[in-house]
Amino acid sequence: MSDNKSKPAAKKSAAVQKPAAEVGFCVYIGPTIAGVIQSGTIFRGTKKEVLKSVANTTERYPLMASLIVTGDTLAQDRIKVKTPGNLLYVNYHKLASGAM
């Protein structure tokens, strides 16, 4: 009888979970650009909404857009930024050196 009680509870918790596709926040994982953006800045919304809100800044610093990542991929992307041989690493170091 205890098995019957646990099954409905499992179904209820699964229904409450949000879809993994839309976490609802993005993080800038690039270097701090004085007077423009600080490393670790958190933005609320989807990546599309965030990129639209920082469009003026990304016109001046286009590589910055690639370093704004979603909450879904934040953990993996933080590692990639520190690992040579991938685009996030290259873009981070180009921005850090001032080459745009």
C-alpha atoms as a PDB file:
ATOM      1  CA  MET A   1       0.000   0.000   0.000  1.00  0.00           C
ATOM      2  CA  SER A   2       2.926   2.354   0.614  1.00  0.00           C
ATOM      3  CA  ASP A   3       3.927   1.874  -3.044  1.00  0.00           C
ATOM      4  CA  ASN A   4       0.630   3.383  -4.212  1.00  0.00           C
ATOM      5  CA  LYS A   5       1.179   6.503  -2.126  1.00  0.00           C
ATOM      6  CA  SER A   6       4.703   7.081  -3.480  1.00  0.00           C
ATOM      7  CA  LYS A   7       3.695   6.816  -7.152  1.00  0.00           C
ATOM      8  CA  PRO A   8       1.258   9.780  -7.180  1.00  0.00           C
ATOM      9  CA  ALA A   9       3.815  11.882  -5.297  1.00  0.00           C
ATOM     10  CA  ALA A  10       6.437  11.162  -7.963  1.00  0.00           C
ATOM     11  CA  LYS A  11       4.027  12.197 -10.720  1.00  0.00           C
ATOM     12  CA  LYS A  12       3.185  15.406  -8.882  1.00  0.00           C
ATOM     13  CA  SER A  13       6.849  16.453  -8.491  1.00  0.00           C
ATOM     14  CA  ALA A  14       7.542  15.741 -12.165  1.00  0.00           C
ATOM     15  CA  ALA A  15       4.653  17.992 -13.206  1.00  0.00           C
ATOM     16  CA  VAL A  16       5.993  20.903 -11.132  1.00  0.00           C
ATOM     17  CA  GLN A  17       9.418  20.963 -12.824  1.00  0.00           C
ATOM     18  CA  LYS A  18      10.067  23.611 -15.482  1.00  0.00           C
ATOM     19  CA  PRO A  19      11.291  22.645 -18.945  1.00  0.00           C
ATOM     20  CA  ALA A  20      15.080  22.541 -19.169  1.00  0.00           C
ATOM     21  CA  ALA A  21      15.134  24.626 -22.376  1.00  0.00           C
ATOM     22  CA  GLU A  22      14.281  27.923 -20.638  1.00  0.00           C
ATOM     23  CA  VAL A  23      16.198  28.471 -17.419  1.00  0.00           C
ATOM     24  CA  GLY A  24      15.473  32.189 -17.378  1.00  0.00           C
ATOM     25  CA  PHE A  25      18.878  33.757 -16.812  1.00  0.00           C
ATOM     26  CA  CYS A  26      22.178  34.405 -18.558  1.00  0.00           C
ATOM     27  CA  VAL A  27      25.645  35.218 -17.241  1.00  0.00           C
ATOM     28  CA  TYR A  28      28.493  37.204 -18.790  1.00  0.00           C
ATOM     29  CA  ILE A  29      31.603  35.020 -18.353  1.00  0.00           C
ATOM     30  CA  GLY A  30      34.043  37.312 -20.149  1.00  0.00           C
ATOM     31  CA  PRO A  31      36.615  39.685 -18.683  1.00  0.00           C
ATOM     32  CA  THR A  32      35.562  42.879 -16.931  1.00  0.00           C
ATOM     33  CA  ILE A  33      35.533  45.833 -19.316  1.00  0.00           C
ATOM     34  CA  ALA A  34      35.890  48.965 -17.186  1.00  0.00           C
ATOM     35  CA  GLY A  35      32.842  51.199 -17.439  1.00  0.00           C
ATOM     36  CA  VAL A  36      30.994  48.683 -19.627  1.00  0.00           C
ATOM     37  CA  ILE A  37      30.413  45.306 -17.953  1.00  0.00           C
ATOM     38  CA  GLN A  38      31.723  43.287 -15.037  1.00  0.00           C
ATOM     39  CA  SER A  39      32.623  39.618 -15.239  1.00  0.00           C
ATOM     40  CA  GLY A  40      29.877  37.481 -13.693  1.00  0.00           C
ATOM     41  CA  THR A  41      27.047  39.904 -14.469  1.00  0.00           C
ATOM     42  CA  ILE A  42      23.719  38.082 -14.292  1.00  0.00           C
ATOM     43  CA  PHE A  43      20.867  38.947 -16.652  1.00  0.00           C
ATOM     44  CA  ARG A  44      17.253  37.873 -16.259  1.00  0.00           C
ATOM     45  CA  GLY A  45      15.511  36.443 -19.324  1.00  0.00           C
ATOM     46  CA  THR A  46      16.316  34.298 -22.315  1.00  0.00           C
ATOM     47  CA  LYS A  47      19.540  34.734 -24.270  1.00  0.00           C
ATOM     48  CA  LYS A  48      17.643  36.383 -27.112  1.00  0.00           C
ATOM     49  CA  GLU A  49      16.121  38.954 -24.720  1.00  0.00           C
ATOM     50  CA  VAL A  50      19.466  39.620 -23.043  1.00  0.00           C
ATOM     51  CA  LEU A  51      21.319  40.130 -26.322  1.00  0.00           C
ATOM     52  CA  LYS A  52      18.598  42.538 -27.423  1.00  0.00           C
ATOM     53  CA  SER A  53      18.966  44.540 -24.192  1.00  0.00           C
ATOM     54  CA  VAL A  54      22.767  44.857 -24.577  1.00  0.00           C
ATOM     55  CA  ALA A  55      22.721  45.463 -28.338  1.00  0.00           C
ATOM     56  CA  ASN A  56      24.382  48.891 -28.053  1.00  0.00           C
ATOM     57  CA  THR A  57      27.289  47.432 -26.106  1.00  0.00           C
ATOM     58  CA  THR A  58      27.715  44.412 -28.355  1.00  0.00           C
ATOM     59  CA  GLU A  59      27.980  46.720 -31.371  1.00  0.00           C
ATOM     60  CA  ARG A  60      31.126  48.182 -29.814  1.00  0.00           C
ATOM     61  CA  TYR A  61      32.362  44.857 -28.357  1.00  0.00           C
ATOM     62  CA  PRO A  62      30.971  42.118 -30.668  1.00  0.00           C
ATOM     63  CA  LEU A  63      32.869  39.282 -28.936  1.00  0.00           C
ATOM     64  CA  MET A  64      31.008  40.085 -25.727  1.00  0.00           C
ATOM     65  CA  ALA A  65      27.833  38.498 -27.147  1.00  0.00           C
ATOM     66  CA  SER A  66      29.494  35.081 -27.402  1.00  0.00           C
ATOM     67  CA  LEU A  67      30.503  35.275 -23.740  1.00  0.00           C
ATOM     68  CA  ILE A  68      26.934  35.735 -22.505  1.00  0.00           C
ATOM     69  CA  VAL A  69      25.788  32.190 -21.775  1.00  0.00           C
ATOM     70  CA  THR A  70      22.549  30.668 -20.555  1.00  0.00           C
ATOM     71  CA  GLY A  71      22.082  29.067 -17.184  1.00  0.00           C
ATOM     72  CA  ASP A  72      21.731  25.711 -18.981  1.00  0.00           C
ATOM     73  CA  THR A  73      25.340  25.753 -20.192  1.00  0.00           C
ATOM     74  CA  LEU A  74      26.957  27.938 -17.529  1.00  0.00           C
ATOM     75  CA  ALA A  75      28.884  25.142 -15.804  1.00  0.00           C
ATOM     76  CA  GLN A  76      30.364  23.757 -19.032  1.00  0.00           C
ATOM     77  CA  ASP A  77      31.076  27.197 -20.495  1.00  0.00           C
ATOM     78  CA  ARG A  78      32.961  28.376 -17.392  1.00  0.00           C
ATOM     79  CA  ILE A  79      35.335  25.448 -17.936  1.00  0.00           C
ATOM     80  CA  LYS A  80      35.623  26.127 -21.680  1.00  0.00           C
ATOM     81  CA  VAL A  81      36.643  29.756 -21.052  1.00  0.00           C
ATOM     82  CA  LYS A  82      39.660  28.468 -19.127  1.00  0.00           C
ATOM     83  CA  THR A  83      40.537  25.634 -21.542  1.00  0.00           C
ATOM     84  CA  PRO A  84      42.678  26.448 -24.621  1.00  0.00           C
ATOM     85  CA  GLY A  85      41.428  25.211 -27.970  1.00  0.00           C
ATOM     86  CA  ASN A  86      37.855  26.458 -28.139  1.00  0.00           C
ATOM     87  CA  LEU A  87      36.024  29.590 -29.247  1.00  0.00           C
ATOM     88  CA  LEU A  88      35.048  30.821 -25.769  1.00  0.00           C
ATOM     89  CA  TYR A  89      38.706  30.748 -24.682  1.00  0.00           C
ATOM     90  CA  VAL A  90      39.806  32.646 -27.797  1.00  0.00           C
ATOM     91  CA  ASN A  91      37.067  35.286 -27.488  1.00  0.00           C
ATOM     92  CA  TYR A  92      37.766  35.783 -23.776  1.00  0.00           C
ATOM     93  CA  HIS A  93      41.462  36.415 -24.413  1.00  0.00           C
ATOM     94  CA  LYS A  94      40.801  38.710 -27.377  1.00  0.00           C
ATOM     95  CA  LEU A  95      38.518  40.847 -25.219  1.00  0.00           C
ATOM     96  CA  ALA A  96      40.959  40.783 -22.301  1.00  0.00           C
ATOM     97  CA  SER A  97      43.820  41.956 -24.515  1.00  0.00           C
ATOM     98  CA  GLY A  98      41.727  44.749 -26.025  1.00  0.00           C
ATOM     99  CA  ALA A  99      41.654  43.271 -29.530  1.00  0.00           C
ATOM    100  CA  MET A 100      38.126  43.360 -30.854  1.00  0.00           C
END
